[in-house]
PDB file of N, CA and C in Angstrom:
ATOM      1  N   MET A   1     -14.880  23.094   2.710  1.00  0.00           N
ATOM      2  CA  MET A   1     -15.124  22.819   1.613  1.00  0.00           C
ATOM      3  C   MET A   1     -14.017  21.950   0.601  1.00  0.00           C
ATOM      4  N   SER A   2     -13.200  21.370   1.657  1.00  0.00           N
ATOM      5  CA  SER A   2     -12.000  20.581   1.250  1.00  0.00           C
ATOM      6  C   SER A   2     -12.543  19.522   0.199  1.00  0.00           C
ATOM      7  N   ARG A   3     -13.419  19.045   0.263  1.00  0.00           N
ATOM      8  CA  ARG A   3     -14.296  17.625  -0.480  1.00  0.00           C
ATOM      9  C   ARG A   3     -14.151  18.438  -1.935  1.00  0.00           C
ATOM     10  N   LEU A   4     -14.643  19.847  -2.010  1.00  0.00           N
ATOM     11  CA  LEU A   4     -14.876  20.287  -3.331  1.00  0.00           C
ATOM     12  C   LEU A   4     -13.432  20.558  -4.272  1.00  0.00           C
ATOM     13  N   LYS A   5     -12.320  21.442  -3.018  1.00  0.00           N
ATOM     14  CA  LYS A   5     -11.178  21.180  -3.771  1.00  0.00           C
ATOM     15  C   LYS A   5     -10.538  19.868  -3.922  1.00  0.00           C
ATOM     16  N   ASP A   6     -10.679  18.984  -3.352  1.00  0.00           N
ATOM     17  CA  ASP A   6     -10.144  17.867  -3.435  1.00  0.00           C
ATOM     18  C   ASP A   6     -10.620  17.118  -4.641  1.00  0.00           C
ATOM     19  N   LEU A   7     -11.570  17.172  -4.892  1.00  0.00           N
ATOM     20  CA  LEU A   7     -12.599  16.151  -5.914  1.00  0.00           C
ATOM     21  C   LEU A   7     -12.192  16.750  -7.182  1.00  0.00           C
ATOM     22  N   ARG A   8     -12.018  17.956  -7.325  1.00  0.00           N
ATOM     23  CA  ARG A   8     -11.715  18.908  -8.566  1.00  0.00           C
ATOM     24  C   ARG A   8     -10.415  18.451  -8.808  1.00  0.00           C
ATOM     25  N   LYS A   9      -9.555  18.436  -8.138  1.00  0.00           N
ATOM     26  CA  LYS A   9      -7.961  18.154  -8.440  1.00  0.00           C
ATOM     27  C   LYS A   9      -7.837  16.829  -8.745  1.00  0.00           C
ATOM     28  N   GLU A  10      -8.839  15.779  -7.953  1.00  0.00           N
ATOM     29  CA  GLU A  10      -8.663  14.089  -8.465  1.00  0.00           C
ATOM     30  C   GLU A  10      -9.009  14.050  -9.879  1.00  0.00           C
ATOM     31  N   ARG A  11     -10.141  14.930 -10.533  1.00  0.00           N
ATOM     32  CA  ARG A  11     -10.737  14.472 -11.733  1.00  0.00           C
ATOM     33  C   ARG A  11      -9.533  15.663 -12.645  1.00  0.00           C
ATOM     34  N   GLY A  12      -8.873  16.205 -12.187  1.00  0.00           N
ATOM     35  CA  GLY A  12      -7.654  16.866 -13.325  1.00  0.00           C
ATOM     36  C   GLY A  12      -8.291  18.170 -13.333  1.00  0.00           C
ATOM     37  N   TYR A  13      -9.407  18.965 -12.753  1.00  0.00           N
ATOM     38  CA  TYR A  13      -9.697  20.074 -13.559  1.00  0.00           C
ATOM     39  C   TYR A  13      -8.745  21.243 -12.559  1.00  0.00           C
ATOM     40  N   THR A  14      -8.733  22.263 -13.362  1.00  0.00           N
ATOM     41  CA  THR A  14      -8.669  23.574 -12.672  1.00  0.00           C
ATOM     42  C   THR A  14      -9.742  24.527 -12.401  1.00  0.00           C
ATOM     43  N   GLN A  15      -9.445  25.319 -11.414  1.00  0.00           N
ATOM     44  CA  GLN A  15     -10.938  26.540 -11.676  1.00  0.00           C
ATOM     45  C   GLN A  15     -11.218  26.794 -12.987  1.00  0.00           C
ATOM     46  N   ILE A  16     -10.435  27.124 -13.633  1.00  0.00           N
ATOM     47  CA  ILE A  16     -10.908  27.906 -14.958  1.00  0.00           C
ATOM     48  C   ILE A  16     -11.656  26.734 -15.914  1.00  0.00           C
ATOM     49  N   LYS A  17     -11.313  25.669 -15.767  1.00  0.00           N
ATOM     50  CA  LYS A  17     -12.034  24.617 -16.399  1.00  0.00           C
ATOM     51  C   LYS A  17     -13.196  24.352 -15.786  1.00  0.00           C
ATOM     52  N   MET A  18     -13.223  24.569 -14.067  1.00  0.00           N
ATOM     53  CA  MET A  18     -14.683  24.538 -13.445  1.00  0.00           C
ATOM     54  C   MET A  18     -15.720  25.733 -14.061  1.00  0.00           C
ATOM     55  N   GLN A  19     -15.156  26.447 -14.259  1.00  0.00           N
ATOM     56  CA  GLN A  19     -15.686  28.220 -14.888  1.00  0.00           C
ATOM     57  C   GLN A  19     -16.310  27.649 -16.298  1.00  0.00           C
ATOM     58  N   HIS A  20     -15.635  27.070 -16.970  1.00  0.00           N
ATOM     59  CA  HIS A  20     -16.200  26.754 -18.213  1.00  0.00           C
ATOM     60  C   HIS A  20     -17.467  25.412 -18.049  1.00  0.00           C
ATOM     61  N   LEU A  21     -17.263  24.626 -17.021  1.00  0.00           N
ATOM     62  CA  LEU A  21     -17.974  23.434 -16.923  1.00  0.00           C
ATOM     63  C   LEU A  21     -19.414  23.906 -16.317  1.00  0.00           C
ATOM     64  N   THR A  22     -19.462  25.038 -15.545  1.00  0.00           N
ATOM     65  CA  THR A  22     -20.277  25.061 -14.314  1.00  0.00           C
ATOM     66  C   THR A  22     -20.943  26.880 -14.864  1.00  0.00           C
ATOM     67  N   GLY A  23     -20.122  27.497 -15.331  1.00  0.00           N
ATOM     68  CA  GLY A  23     -20.760  29.050 -15.607  1.00  0.00           C
ATOM     69  C   GLY A  23     -20.375  29.728 -14.289  1.00  0.00           C
ATOM     70  N   ILE A  24     -20.066  29.212 -13.254  1.00  0.00           N
ATOM     71  CA  ILE A  24     -19.881  30.098 -12.205  1.00  0.00           C
ATOM     72  C   ILE A  24     -18.030  30.389 -12.351  1.00  0.00           C
ATOM     73  N   ASP A  25     -18.106  32.045 -12.173  1.00  0.00           N
ATOM     74  CA  ASP A  25     -17.117  32.841 -12.362  1.00  0.00           C
ATOM     75  C   ASP A  25     -15.718  32.128 -11.544  1.00  0.00           C
ATOM     76  N   GLN A  26     -15.018  32.095 -11.927  1.00  0.00           N
ATOM     77  CA  GLN A  26     -13.774  31.305 -11.317  1.00  0.00           C
ATOM     78  C   GLN A  26     -13.265  32.109  -9.821  1.00  0.00           C
ATOM     79  N   SER A  27     -13.575  33.540  -9.621  1.00  0.00           N
ATOM     80  CA  SER A  27     -13.298  33.899  -8.226  1.00  0.00           C
ATOM     81  C   SER A  27     -13.953  33.859  -7.567  1.00  0.00           C
ATOM     82  N   ASP A  28     -15.597  33.863  -7.904  1.00  0.00           N
ATOM     83  CA  ASP A  28     -16.768  33.214  -7.162  1.00  0.00           C
ATOM     84  C   ASP A  28     -16.503  31.628  -6.635  1.00  0.00           C
ATOM     85  N   TYR A  29     -16.074  30.781  -7.839  1.00  0.00           N
ATOM     86  CA  TYR A  29     -15.742  29.483  -7.490  1.00  0.00           C
ATOM     87  C   TYR A  29     -14.647  29.433  -6.763  1.00  0.00           C
ATOM     88  N   SER A  30     -13.676  30.123  -6.571  1.00  0.00           N
ATOM     89  CA  SER A  30     -12.504  29.757  -5.730  1.00  0.00           C
ATOM     90  C   SER A  30     -12.837  30.399  -4.428  1.00  0.00           C
ATOM     91  N   LYS A  31     -13.829  31.239  -4.199  1.00  0.00           N
ATOM     92  CA  LYS A  31     -14.206  31.822  -2.821  1.00  0.00           C
ATOM     93  C   LYS A  31     -15.405  30.501  -2.115  1.00  0.00           C
ATOM     94  N   ILE A  32     -15.933  29.883  -3.186  1.00  0.00           N
ATOM     95  CA  ILE A  32     -16.462  28.819  -2.911  1.00  0.00           C
ATOM     96  C   ILE A  32     -15.763  27.568  -2.125  1.00  0.00           C
ATOM     97  N   GLU A  33     -14.753  27.134  -2.775  1.00  0.00           N
ATOM     98  CA  GLU A  33     -13.769  26.370  -2.316  1.00  0.00           C
ATOM     99  C   GLU A  33     -13.131  26.677  -1.297  1.00  0.00           C
ATOM    100  N   ARG A  34     -13.069  28.009  -0.553  1.00  0.00           N
ATOM    101  CA  ARG A  34     -12.207  28.622   0.515  1.00  0.00           C
ATOM    102  C   ARG A  34     -13.053  28.629   1.475  1.00  0.00           C
ATOM    103  N   GLY A  35     -14.575  28.372   1.081  1.00  0.00           N
ATOM    104  CA  GLY A  35     -15.478  28.739   2.085  1.00  0.00           C
ATOM    105  C   GLY A  35     -15.555  30.150   2.633  1.00  0.00           C
ATOM    106  N   LYS A  36     -15.513  31.327   1.577  1.00  0.00           N
ATOM    107  CA  LYS A  36     -15.771  32.345   1.934  1.00  0.00           C
ATOM    108  C   LYS A  36     -17.080  32.975   1.107  1.00  0.00           C
ATOM    109  N   ARG A  37     -17.536  31.978   0.467  1.00  0.00           N
ATOM    110  CA  ARG A  37     -18.906  32.089   0.075  1.00  0.00           C
ATOM    111  C   ARG A  37     -19.712  31.028  -0.115  1.00  0.00           C
ATOM    112  N   TYR A  38     -20.850  31.037  -0.317  1.00  0.00           N
ATOM    113  CA  TYR A  38     -21.929  29.523  -0.073  1.00  0.00           C
ATOM    114  C   TYR A  38     -22.452  29.827  -1.466  1.00  0.00           C
ATOM    115  N   TYR A  39     -22.571  28.619  -1.955  1.00  0.00           N
ATOM    116  CA  TYR A  39     -23.173  28.390  -3.541  1.00  0.00           C
ATOM    117  C   TYR A  39     -24.364  28.220  -3.141  1.00  0.00           C
ATOM    118  N   SER A  40     -25.357  28.464  -4.402  1.00  0.00           N
ATOM    119  CA  SER A  40     -26.885  28.313  -4.401  1.00  0.00           C
ATOM    120  C   SER A  40     -27.075  26.669  -4.559  1.00  0.00           C
ATOM    121  N   PHE A  41     -28.269  26.890  -4.811  1.00  0.00           N
ATOM    122  CA  PHE A  41     -28.875  25.157  -4.876  1.00  0.00           C
ATOM    123  C   PHE A  41     -27.988  24.745  -6.490  1.00  0.00           C
ATOM    124  N   GLU A  42     -28.562  25.920  -7.481  1.00  0.00           N
ATOM    125  CA  GLU A  42     -28.293  25.822  -8.946  1.00  0.00           C
ATOM    126  C   GLU A  42     -26.741  25.743  -9.031  1.00  0.00           C
ATOM    127  N   GLN A  43     -25.930  26.424  -8.238  1.00  0.00           N
ATOM    128  CA  GLN A  43     -24.447  26.197  -8.333  1.00  0.00           C
ATOM    129  C   GLN A  43     -24.027  24.714  -7.940  1.00  0.00           C
ATOM    130  N   CYS A  44     -24.776  24.370  -6.735  1.00  0.00           N
ATOM    131  CA  CYS A  44     -24.100  22.985  -6.215  1.00  0.00           C
ATOM    132  C   CYS A  44     -24.793  22.038  -7.632  1.00  0.00           C
ATOM    133  N   ARG A  45     -25.903  21.931  -7.791  1.00  0.00           N
ATOM    134  CA  ARG A  45     -26.352  21.060  -8.872  1.00  0.00           C
ATOM    135  C   ARG A  45     -25.368  21.307 -10.011  1.00  0.00           C
ATOM    136  N   GLN A  46     -24.830  22.322 -10.342  1.00  0.00           N
ATOM    137  CA  GLN A  46     -23.974  22.521 -11.715  1.00  0.00           C
ATOM    138  C   GLN A  46     -22.425  21.784 -11.055  1.00  0.00           C
ATOM    139  N   ILE A  47     -22.038  22.287  -9.949  1.00  0.00           N
ATOM    140  CA  ILE A  47     -20.916  21.456  -9.627  1.00  0.00           C
ATOM    141  C   ILE A  47     -20.794  20.066  -9.441  1.00  0.00           C
ATOM    142  N   ALA A  48     -21.910  19.367  -8.646  1.00  0.00           N
ATOM    143  CA  ALA A  48     -21.969  18.255  -8.769  1.00  0.00           C
ATOM    144  C   ALA A  48     -22.057  17.560 -10.215  1.00  0.00           C
ATOM    145  N   LEU A  49     -22.753  18.118 -11.251  1.00  0.00           N
ATOM    146  CA  LEU A  49     -23.135  17.341 -12.653  1.00  0.00           C
ATOM    147  C   LEU A  49     -21.325  17.403 -13.065  1.00  0.00           C
ATOM    148  N   ALA A  50     -20.846  18.535 -12.988  1.00  0.00           N
ATOM    149  CA  ALA A  50     -19.238  18.707 -13.454  1.00  0.00           C
ATOM    150  C   ALA A  50     -18.286  17.882 -13.264  1.00  0.00           C
ATOM    151  N   LEU A  51     -18.416  17.650 -11.825  1.00  0.00           N
ATOM    152  CA  LEU A  51     -17.655  16.444 -10.940  1.00  0.00           C
ATOM    153  C   LEU A  51     -18.037  14.871 -10.726  1.00  0.00           C
ATOM    154  N   ASN A  52     -19.341  14.979 -11.674  1.00  0.00           N
ATOM    155  CA  ASN A  52     -19.987  13.571 -11.527  1.00  0.00           C
ATOM    156  C   ASN A  52     -19.779  13.032 -10.025  1.00  0.00           C
ATOM    157  N   THR A  53     -20.332  13.711  -9.395  1.00  0.00           N
ATOM    158  CA  THR A  53     -20.783  13.330  -7.942  1.00  0.00           C
ATOM    159  C   THR A  53     -22.207  13.510  -7.441  1.00  0.00           C
ATOM    160  N   SER A  54     -22.752  13.465  -6.355  1.00  0.00           N
ATOM    161  CA  SER A  54     -23.698  14.004  -5.970  1.00  0.00           C
ATOM    162  C   SER A  54     -23.787  15.083  -5.084  1.00  0.00           C
ATOM    163  N   MET A  55     -24.948  15.927  -4.865  1.00  0.00           N
ATOM    164  CA  MET A  55     -25.073  17.041  -4.123  1.00  0.00           C
ATOM    165  C   MET A  55     -24.717  16.546  -2.610  1.00  0.00           C
ATOM    166  N   ASP A  56     -25.282  15.704  -2.149  1.00  0.00           N
ATOM    167  CA  ASP A  56     -24.969  14.750  -0.905  1.00  0.00           C
ATOM    168  C   ASP A  56     -23.333  14.717  -0.692  1.00  0.00           C
ATOM    169  N   TYR A  57     -22.452  14.418  -1.651  1.00  0.00           N
ATOM    170  CA  TYR A  57     -21.252  13.949  -1.433  1.00  0.00           C
ATOM    171  C   TYR A  57     -20.426  15.726  -0.893  1.00  0.00           C
ATOM    172  N   LEU A  58     -21.143  16.399  -1.698  1.00  0.00           N
ATOM    173  CA  LEU A  58     -20.418  18.051  -2.024  1.00  0.00           C
ATOM    174  C   LEU A  58     -20.956  18.621  -0.214  1.00  0.00           C
ATOM    175  N   ALA A  59     -21.786  18.105   0.078  1.00  0.00           N
ATOM    176  CA  ALA A  59     -22.381  18.625   1.630  1.00  0.00           C
ATOM    177  C   ALA A  59     -22.122  17.946   2.515  1.00  0.00           C
ATOM    178  N   GLY A  60     -21.010  16.776   2.449  1.00  0.00           N
ATOM    179  CA  GLY A  60     -20.798  16.126   3.674  1.00  0.00           C
ATOM    180  C   GLY A  60     -21.861  15.046   4.034  1.00  0.00           C
ATOM    181  N   LEU A  61     -22.971  14.636   3.309  1.00  0.00           N
ATOM    182  CA  LEU A  61     -23.944  13.940   3.802  1.00  0.00           C
ATOM    183  C   LEU A  61     -23.747  12.615   3.761  1.00  0.00           C
ATOM    184  N   THR A  62     -22.604  12.130   2.780  1.00  0.00           N
ATOM    185  CA  THR A  62     -22.064  10.836   2.489  1.00  0.00           C
ATOM    186  C   THR A  62     -20.994  10.737   2.021  1.00  0.00           C
ATOM    187  N   ASP A  63     -20.281   9.588   2.235  1.00  0.00           N
ATOM    188  CA  ASP A  63     -19.000   9.851   1.640  1.00  0.00           C
ATOM    189  C   ASP A  63     -18.689   9.082   0.490  1.00  0.00           C
ATOM    190  N   GLU A  64     -19.700   8.437  -0.241  1.00  0.00           N
ATOM    191  CA  GLU A  64     -19.787   7.979  -1.273  1.00  0.00           C
ATOM    192  C   GLU A  64     -19.974   9.111  -2.616  1.00  0.00           C
ATOM    193  N   LYS A  65     -18.579   8.760  -3.381  1.00  0.00           N
ATOM    194  CA  LYS A  65     -18.289   9.785  -4.231  1.00  0.00           C
ATOM    195  C   LYS A  65     -19.027   9.966  -5.669  1.00  0.00           C
ATOM    196  N   GLU A  66     -19.614   8.449  -5.857  1.00  0.00           N
ATOM    197  CA  GLU A  66     -20.219   8.307  -7.033  1.00  0.00           C
ATOM    198  C   GLU A  66     -21.659   8.800  -7.294  1.00  0.00           C
ATOM    199  N   PRO A  67     -22.108   9.328  -8.251  1.00  0.00           N
ATOM    200  CA  PRO A  67     -23.454   9.998  -8.256  1.00  0.00           C
ATOM    201  C   PRO A  67     -24.381   9.034  -8.193  1.00  0.00           C
ATOM    202  N   TYR A  68     -25.787   9.066  -7.538  1.00  0.00           N
ATOM    203  CA  TYR A  68     -26.878   8.636  -7.575  1.00  0.00           C
ATOM    204  C   TYR A  68     -27.352   8.316  -9.085  1.00  0.00           C
ATOM    205  N   PRO A  69     -28.275   7.506  -9.885  1.00  0.00           N
ATOM    206  CA  PRO A  69     -28.728   7.197 -11.020  1.00  0.00           C
ATOM    207  C   PRO A  69     -29.567   8.679 -11.348  1.00  0.00           C
ATOM    208  N   ARG A  70     -29.047   8.947 -12.131  1.00  0.00           N
ATOM    209  CA  ARG A  70     -29.681  10.328 -13.184  1.00  0.00           C
ATOM    210  C   ARG A  70     -30.631  10.189 -14.007  1.00  0.00           C
ATOM    211  N   ASN A  71     -31.371  11.230 -14.157  1.00  0.00           N
ATOM    212  CA  ASN A  71     -32.750  11.209 -15.093  1.00  0.00           C
ATOM    213  C   ASN A  71     -32.154  11.777 -16.563  1.00  0.00           C
ATOM    214  N   ASN A  72     -32.502  11.443 -17.209  1.00  0.00           N
ATOM    215  CA  ASN A  72     -31.907  11.821 -18.665  1.00  0.00           C
ATOM    216  C   ASN A  72     -31.812  13.181 -18.890  1.00  0.00           C
ATOM    217  N   ASN A  73     -32.834  13.789 -18.270  1.00  0.00           N
ATOM    218  CA  ASN A  73     -33.292  15.361 -18.511  1.00  0.00           C
ATOM    219  C   ASN A  73     -32.636  16.000 -17.262  1.00  0.00           C
ATOM    220  N   LYS A  74     -31.719  15.831 -16.612  1.00  0.00           N
ATOM    221  CA  LYS A  74     -30.680  16.588 -15.898  1.00  0.00           C
ATOM    222  C   LYS A  74     -31.594  17.467 -14.903  1.00  0.00           C
TER     223      LYS A  74
END
């Protein structure tokens, strides 16, 4: 889950900021970053939106950090 932590820090966000952006409790978010807890599809989606990246990047399926073109209805 180092991608998640690295990208969060690259964006200048704290775990508390991520809690505000995603609605995921900070302690749960910390566990996700450390690989102690898996995130749901919806949590992954919220994290990708907050960090302006793709779910594929978070999952390690691509090295491209930029998100795909998105629909306006997110």
